[in-house]
Amino acid sequence: MPIVHHVPGRLRLKVPALKRNERHAARAHACLAAMEGIRELQVNRLTGSIVIHYERDAMIAEVVVDHLRAEGLLDIRADDTPKRAEAWKGVKVDKGRMASAGGKVGKKVVNILVEKAVERSAVALIGAIL
């Protein structure tokens, strides 16, 4: 069931088929916008979620789910692009080197921040003396 959260008047759904897929998001929006009782509809293709504000007496969550299922949007497992895991299949990553590189970058960033703070303090001190 794609229902993530439901309180009377507000419904949030997670529909993986919408994620990064403008065509599916537009289909979902058109399907739901035509329903009576919907006050506000937000289809987010970046997160694959739908937030619906509706008149409390007008509809229930199952009706929305049925409409999306009728459109075939709930039967689609993912968008048309390959999954990231498949794209990275066969790529070997040396976690030790990554951790070492991350530590070096972190130290460099801290050193730069400390240098900038010291420079600003020196300029402020000279400004106060003059």
N, C-alpha and C. Protein backbone atom coordinates (compact mmCIF):
# COMPACT_ATOMS: atom_id res chain seq x y z
N MET A 1 0.86 -1.18 0.00
CA MET A 1 0.00 0.00 0.00
C MET A 1 0.90 1.24 0.00
N PRO A 2 0.68 2.15 -0.92
CA PRO A 2 1.54 3.32 -1.05
C PRO A 2 1.26 4.43 -0.04
N ILE A 3 0.29 4.24 0.86
CA ILE A 3 -0.06 5.30 1.81
C ILE A 3 1.04 5.42 2.85
N VAL A 4 1.62 6.61 2.95
CA VAL A 4 2.65 6.89 3.93
C VAL A 4 2.04 7.51 5.18
N HIS A 5 1.10 8.43 4.96
CA HIS A 5 0.49 9.14 6.08
C HIS A 5 -0.91 9.57 5.67
N HIS A 6 -1.86 9.42 6.60
CA HIS A 6 -3.22 9.82 6.29
C HIS A 6 -3.92 10.32 7.54
N VAL A 7 -4.38 11.54 7.47
CA VAL A 7 -5.26 12.11 8.48
C VAL A 7 -6.43 12.70 7.70
N PRO A 8 -7.59 12.79 8.29
CA PRO A 8 -8.74 13.32 7.55
C PRO A 8 -8.42 14.69 6.92
N GLY A 9 -8.54 14.75 5.61
CA GLY A 9 -8.27 15.98 4.89
C GLY A 9 -6.91 16.05 4.24
N ARG A 10 -6.00 15.12 4.61
CA ARG A 10 -4.65 15.14 4.04
C ARG A 10 -4.15 13.71 3.87
N LEU A 11 -3.57 13.46 2.70
CA LEU A 11 -3.09 12.13 2.37
C LEU A 11 -1.72 12.25 1.70
N ARG A 12 -0.77 11.42 2.14
CA ARG A 12 0.55 11.40 1.51
C ARG A 12 0.83 9.99 1.02
N LEU A 13 1.22 9.91 -0.26
CA LEU A 13 1.50 8.62 -0.89
C LEU A 13 2.94 8.58 -1.38
N LYS A 14 3.51 7.38 -1.43
CA LYS A 14 4.82 7.17 -2.02
C LYS A 14 4.60 6.28 -3.25
N VAL A 15 4.94 6.82 -4.42
CA VAL A 15 4.73 6.10 -5.68
C VAL A 15 6.07 6.06 -6.42
N PRO A 16 6.81 4.97 -6.31
CA PRO A 16 8.14 4.89 -6.93
C PRO A 16 8.16 5.18 -8.43
N ALA A 17 7.07 4.90 -9.13
CA ALA A 17 7.02 5.13 -10.57
C ALA A 17 7.16 6.62 -10.92
N LEU A 18 6.86 7.51 -9.99
CA LEU A 18 6.92 8.95 -10.25
C LEU A 18 8.34 9.50 -10.13
N LYS A 19 9.18 8.78 -9.42
CA LYS A 19 10.52 9.29 -9.11
C LYS A 19 11.33 9.50 -10.41
N ARG A 20 11.73 10.75 -10.61
CA ARG A 20 12.53 11.16 -11.77
C ARG A 20 11.86 10.80 -13.10
N ASN A 21 10.52 10.82 -13.13
CA ASN A 21 9.81 10.49 -14.36
C ASN A 21 8.68 11.49 -14.57
N GLU A 22 8.96 12.47 -15.39
CA GLU A 22 8.02 13.56 -15.65
C GLU A 22 6.71 13.04 -16.26
N ARG A 23 6.82 12.06 -17.15
CA ARG A 23 5.62 11.53 -17.82
C ARG A 23 4.67 10.88 -16.82
N HIS A 24 5.19 10.05 -15.93
CA HIS A 24 4.35 9.40 -14.93
C HIS A 24 3.78 10.42 -13.94
N ALA A 25 4.60 11.40 -13.57
CA ALA A 25 4.13 12.44 -12.64
C ALA A 25 2.98 13.23 -13.26
N ALA A 26 3.09 13.55 -14.52
CA ALA A 26 2.02 14.29 -15.20
C ALA A 26 0.75 13.43 -15.29
N ARG A 27 0.90 12.14 -15.57
CA ARG A 27 -0.25 11.24 -15.62
C ARG A 27 -0.95 11.18 -14.27
N ALA A 28 -0.15 11.05 -13.20
CA ALA A 28 -0.73 10.98 -11.85
C ALA A 28 -1.46 12.28 -11.52
N HIS A 29 -0.85 13.40 -11.84
CA HIS A 29 -1.46 14.70 -11.56
C HIS A 29 -2.78 14.84 -12.30
N ALA A 30 -2.78 14.48 -13.58
CA ALA A 30 -4.00 14.60 -14.38
C ALA A 30 -5.10 13.67 -13.84
N CYS A 31 -4.71 12.47 -13.47
CA CYS A 31 -5.67 11.49 -12.95
C CYS A 31 -6.32 11.98 -11.67
N LEU A 32 -5.52 12.50 -10.76
CA LEU A 32 -6.03 12.91 -9.45
C LEU A 32 -6.69 14.29 -9.49
N ALA A 33 -6.20 15.18 -10.34
CA ALA A 33 -6.77 16.53 -10.41
C ALA A 33 -8.22 16.48 -10.90
N ALA A 34 -8.55 15.45 -11.65
CA ALA A 34 -9.91 15.33 -12.18
C ALA A 34 -10.89 14.82 -11.13
N MET A 35 -10.39 14.37 -9.99
CA MET A 35 -11.27 13.83 -8.95
C MET A 35 -11.96 14.95 -8.19
N GLU A 36 -13.21 14.72 -7.88
CA GLU A 36 -13.99 15.68 -7.12
C GLU A 36 -13.55 15.68 -5.66
N GLY A 37 -13.49 16.86 -5.06
CA GLY A 37 -13.19 16.98 -3.64
C GLY A 37 -11.75 17.29 -3.30
N ILE A 38 -10.86 17.24 -4.30
CA ILE A 38 -9.45 17.56 -4.04
C ILE A 38 -9.29 19.07 -4.05
N ARG A 39 -8.75 19.61 -2.95
CA ARG A 39 -8.53 21.06 -2.84
C ARG A 39 -7.13 21.43 -3.33
N GLU A 40 -6.15 20.62 -3.01
CA GLU A 40 -4.77 20.92 -3.37
C GLU A 40 -4.05 19.60 -3.66
N LEU A 41 -3.19 19.62 -4.67
CA LEU A 41 -2.50 18.41 -5.10
C LEU A 41 -1.05 18.75 -5.41
N GLN A 42 -0.13 18.03 -4.81
CA GLN A 42 1.30 18.23 -5.06
C GLN A 42 1.91 16.89 -5.45
N VAL A 43 2.41 16.81 -6.68
CA VAL A 43 3.09 15.62 -7.16
C VAL A 43 4.56 15.97 -7.27
N ASN A 44 5.40 15.28 -6.50
CA ASN A 44 6.82 15.57 -6.47
C ASN A 44 7.57 14.44 -7.17
N ARG A 45 8.10 14.74 -8.37
CA ARG A 45 8.77 13.69 -9.12
C ARG A 45 10.19 13.44 -8.61
N LEU A 46 10.74 14.35 -7.81
CA LEU A 46 12.07 14.11 -7.25
C LEU A 46 12.03 13.07 -6.13
N THR A 47 10.97 13.12 -5.33
CA THR A 47 10.86 12.18 -4.21
C THR A 47 9.91 11.02 -4.50
N GLY A 48 9.13 11.14 -5.56
CA GLY A 48 8.16 10.10 -5.89
C GLY A 48 6.99 10.09 -4.92
N SER A 49 6.60 11.26 -4.45
CA SER A 49 5.50 11.32 -3.49
C SER A 49 4.39 12.25 -3.99
N ILE A 50 3.22 12.00 -3.43
CA ILE A 50 2.04 12.81 -3.74
C ILE A 50 1.41 13.24 -2.43
N VAL A 51 1.13 14.54 -2.29
CA VAL A 51 0.42 15.05 -1.12
C VAL A 51 -0.90 15.61 -1.61
N ILE A 52 -1.97 15.15 -0.99
CA ILE A 52 -3.32 15.56 -1.40
C ILE A 52 -4.05 16.16 -0.21
N HIS A 53 -4.55 17.36 -0.38
CA HIS A 53 -5.44 17.98 0.60
C HIS A 53 -6.83 17.89 0.00
N TYR A 54 -7.75 17.32 0.73
CA TYR A 54 -9.09 17.11 0.19
C TYR A 54 -10.15 17.49 1.21
N GLU A 55 -11.36 17.66 0.70
CA GLU A 55 -12.50 17.94 1.57
C GLU A 55 -12.79 16.66 2.36
N ARG A 56 -12.86 16.78 3.65
CA ARG A 56 -12.97 15.60 4.51
C ARG A 56 -14.11 14.66 4.14
N ASP A 57 -15.21 15.19 3.72
CA ASP A 57 -16.37 14.35 3.42
C ASP A 57 -16.36 13.82 1.98
N ALA A 58 -15.44 14.27 1.16
CA ALA A 58 -15.51 13.98 -0.26
C ALA A 58 -14.93 12.63 -0.65
N MET A 59 -13.88 12.17 0.00
CA MET A 59 -13.22 10.96 -0.47
C MET A 59 -12.41 10.29 0.63
N ILE A 60 -11.96 9.11 0.33
CA ILE A 60 -11.09 8.39 1.25
C ILE A 60 -9.85 7.93 0.50
N ALA A 61 -8.83 7.52 1.24
CA ALA A 61 -7.54 7.16 0.66
C ALA A 61 -7.64 6.03 -0.36
N GLU A 62 -8.47 5.06 -0.10
CA GLU A 62 -8.57 3.91 -1.00
C GLU A 62 -9.03 4.31 -2.39
N VAL A 63 -9.87 5.35 -2.49
CA VAL A 63 -10.36 5.80 -3.79
C VAL A 63 -9.19 6.36 -4.60
N VAL A 64 -8.31 7.12 -3.95
CA VAL A 64 -7.14 7.68 -4.63
C VAL A 64 -6.23 6.54 -5.11
N VAL A 65 -5.99 5.59 -4.22
CA VAL A 65 -5.14 4.45 -4.58
C VAL A 65 -5.75 3.68 -5.75
N ASP A 66 -7.05 3.49 -5.74
CA ASP A 66 -7.72 2.80 -6.84
C ASP A 66 -7.55 3.55 -8.16
N HIS A 67 -7.63 4.89 -8.12
CA HIS A 67 -7.45 5.69 -9.34
C HIS A 67 -6.03 5.53 -9.89
N LEU A 68 -5.04 5.58 -9.01
CA LEU A 68 -3.65 5.41 -9.45
C LEU A 68 -3.41 4.01 -9.99
N ARG A 69 -4.02 3.03 -9.35
CA ARG A 69 -3.89 1.64 -9.82
C ARG A 69 -4.55 1.49 -11.20
N ALA A 70 -5.70 2.13 -11.40
CA ALA A 70 -6.39 2.07 -12.69
C ALA A 70 -5.55 2.69 -13.80
N GLU A 71 -4.76 3.70 -13.45
CA GLU A 71 -3.86 4.33 -14.41
C GLU A 71 -2.61 3.50 -14.65
N GLY A 72 -2.42 2.46 -13.85
CA GLY A 72 -1.24 1.60 -13.99
C GLY A 72 0.01 2.15 -13.33
N LEU A 73 -0.13 3.18 -12.51
CA LEU A 73 1.04 3.80 -11.89
C LEU A 73 1.54 3.06 -10.65
N LEU A 74 0.72 2.25 -10.05
CA LEU A 74 1.17 1.53 -8.86
C LEU A 74 1.80 0.19 -9.19
N ASP A 75 1.62 -0.27 -10.42
CA ASP A 75 2.19 -1.54 -10.82
C ASP A 75 3.61 -1.39 -11.36
N ILE A 76 4.01 -0.15 -11.63
CA ILE A 76 5.36 0.11 -12.15
C ILE A 76 6.30 0.18 -10.96
N ARG A 77 7.35 -0.60 -10.97
CA ARG A 77 8.26 -0.70 -9.82
C ARG A 77 9.23 0.49 -9.75
N ALA A 78 9.67 0.98 -10.87
CA ALA A 78 10.64 2.09 -10.86
C ALA A 78 10.53 2.83 -12.19
N ASP A 79 11.29 3.91 -12.31
CA ASP A 79 11.24 4.66 -13.56
C ASP A 79 11.97 3.90 -14.67
N ASP A 80 12.04 4.50 -15.84
CA ASP A 80 12.61 3.81 -17.00
C ASP A 80 14.13 3.81 -17.01
N THR A 81 14.77 4.51 -16.09
CA THR A 81 16.23 4.55 -16.05
C THR A 81 16.75 3.39 -15.22
N PRO A 82 17.96 2.90 -15.50
CA PRO A 82 18.50 1.79 -14.71
C PRO A 82 18.78 2.22 -13.28
N LYS A 83 18.70 1.28 -12.38
CA LYS A 83 18.95 1.58 -10.98
C LYS A 83 20.44 1.87 -10.77
N ARG A 84 20.73 2.69 -9.77
CA ARG A 84 22.12 3.05 -9.49
C ARG A 84 22.97 1.83 -9.19
N ALA A 85 22.40 0.87 -8.47
CA ALA A 85 23.16 -0.32 -8.13
C ALA A 85 23.61 -1.05 -9.39
N GLU A 86 22.75 -1.11 -10.39
CA GLU A 86 23.10 -1.77 -11.64
C GLU A 86 24.20 -0.99 -12.36
N ALA A 87 24.11 0.32 -12.31
CA ALA A 87 25.09 1.16 -12.99
C ALA A 87 26.48 0.98 -12.38
N TRP A 88 26.54 0.71 -11.07
CA TRP A 88 27.82 0.57 -10.38
C TRP A 88 28.25 -0.89 -10.26
N LYS A 89 27.49 -1.80 -10.84
CA LYS A 89 27.81 -3.22 -10.74
C LYS A 89 29.19 -3.49 -11.34
N GLY A 90 30.01 -4.21 -10.62
CA GLY A 90 31.35 -4.56 -11.09
C GLY A 90 32.41 -3.54 -10.74
N VAL A 91 32.03 -2.38 -10.24
CA VAL A 91 33.00 -1.36 -9.85
C VAL A 91 33.49 -1.68 -8.44
N LYS A 92 34.80 -1.81 -8.30
CA LYS A 92 35.38 -2.12 -6.98
C LYS A 92 35.79 -0.83 -6.30
N VAL A 93 35.45 -0.73 -5.04
CA VAL A 93 35.76 0.47 -4.27
C VAL A 93 36.61 0.07 -3.08
N ASP A 94 37.76 0.72 -2.92
CA ASP A 94 38.63 0.46 -1.79
C ASP A 94 38.21 1.38 -0.65
N LYS A 95 37.47 0.82 0.31
CA LYS A 95 36.92 1.64 1.40
C LYS A 95 38.02 2.24 2.27
N GLY A 96 39.13 1.55 2.40
CA GLY A 96 40.24 2.08 3.19
C GLY A 96 40.79 3.36 2.58
N ARG A 97 40.97 3.34 1.26
CA ARG A 97 41.46 4.54 0.57
C ARG A 97 40.44 5.67 0.64
N MET A 98 39.16 5.32 0.50
CA MET A 98 38.13 6.35 0.57
C MET A 98 38.12 7.01 1.94
N ALA A 99 38.23 6.21 3.00
CA ALA A 99 38.24 6.76 4.35
C ALA A 99 39.47 7.64 4.55
N SER A 100 40.61 7.17 4.04
CA SER A 100 41.85 7.94 4.17
C SER A 100 41.73 9.26 3.42
N ALA A 101 41.17 9.22 2.20
CA ALA A 101 41.00 10.44 1.42
C ALA A 101 40.03 11.38 2.10
N GLY A 102 38.94 10.82 2.65
CA GLY A 102 37.97 11.65 3.35
C GLY A 102 38.58 12.33 4.56
N GLY A 103 39.43 11.60 5.29
CA GLY A 103 40.10 12.18 6.45
C GLY A 103 41.05 13.30 6.05
N LYS A 104 41.76 13.10 4.94
CA LYS A 104 42.69 14.13 4.46
C LYS A 104 41.94 15.38 4.03
N VAL A 105 40.84 15.20 3.33
CA VAL A 105 40.05 16.35 2.89
C VAL A 105 39.50 17.08 4.10
N GLY A 106 39.01 16.33 5.08
CA GLY A 106 38.47 16.94 6.29
C GLY A 106 39.51 17.76 7.02
N LYS A 107 40.71 17.23 7.15
CA LYS A 107 41.80 17.96 7.81
C LYS A 107 42.15 19.23 7.05
N LYS A 108 42.18 19.13 5.72
CA LYS A 108 42.51 20.30 4.90
C LYS A 108 41.46 21.39 5.07
N VAL A 109 40.19 21.00 5.09
CA VAL A 109 39.11 21.97 5.28
C VAL A 109 39.23 22.65 6.64
N VAL A 110 39.50 21.88 7.68
CA VAL A 110 39.65 22.45 9.02
C VAL A 110 40.83 23.41 9.05
N ASN A 111 41.95 23.04 8.43
CA ASN A 111 43.13 23.92 8.40
C ASN A 111 42.81 25.24 7.70
N ILE A 112 42.09 25.18 6.60
CA ILE A 112 41.72 26.40 5.87
C ILE A 112 40.82 27.28 6.73
N LEU A 113 39.85 26.68 7.40
CA LEU A 113 38.95 27.45 8.25
C LEU A 113 39.70 28.11 9.40
N VAL A 114 40.64 27.40 10.00
CA VAL A 114 41.43 27.97 11.09
C VAL A 114 42.28 29.12 10.58
N GLU A 115 42.92 28.95 9.41
CA GLU A 115 43.72 30.03 8.83
C GLU A 115 42.87 31.28 8.59
N LYS A 116 41.69 31.10 8.04
CA LYS A 116 40.80 32.25 7.77
C LYS A 116 40.39 32.93 9.08
N ALA A 117 40.10 32.14 10.09
CA ALA A 117 39.72 32.72 11.38
C ALA A 117 40.86 33.52 11.98
N VAL A 118 42.07 32.99 11.88
CA VAL A 118 43.25 33.70 12.42
C VAL A 118 43.48 34.99 11.63
N GLU A 119 43.36 34.92 10.31
CA GLU A 119 43.54 36.12 9.49
C GLU A 119 42.54 37.20 9.88
N ARG A 120 41.28 36.82 10.02
CA ARG A 120 40.24 37.79 10.39
C ARG A 120 40.48 38.35 11.78
N SER A 121 40.95 37.52 12.68
CA SER A 121 41.23 37.99 14.04
C SER A 121 42.37 38.98 14.02
N ALA A 122 43.41 38.70 13.22
CA ALA A 122 44.57 39.61 13.11
C ALA A 122 44.13 40.94 12.53
N VAL A 123 43.29 40.92 11.50
CA VAL A 123 42.81 42.15 10.87
C VAL A 123 41.96 42.93 11.87
N ALA A 124 41.11 42.23 12.63
CA ALA A 124 40.27 42.88 13.64
C ALA A 124 41.13 43.49 14.74
N LEU A 125 42.18 42.80 15.15
CA LEU A 125 43.07 43.31 16.20
C LEU A 125 43.80 44.57 15.72
N ILE A 126 44.31 44.54 14.49
CA ILE A 126 45.00 45.70 13.94
C ILE A 126 44.03 46.87 13.81
N GLY A 127 42.81 46.59 13.37
CA GLY A 127 41.79 47.63 13.24
C GLY A 127 41.46 48.24 14.59
N ALA A 128 41.44 47.44 15.64
CA ALA A 128 41.12 47.94 16.97
C ALA A 128 42.25 48.79 17.51
N ILE A 129 43.49 48.43 17.20
CA ILE A 129 44.65 49.18 17.67
C ILE A 129 44.72 50.53 16.97
N LEU A 130 44.42 50.58 15.69
CA LEU A 130 44.52 51.83 14.94
C LEU A 130 43.32 52.67 15.27
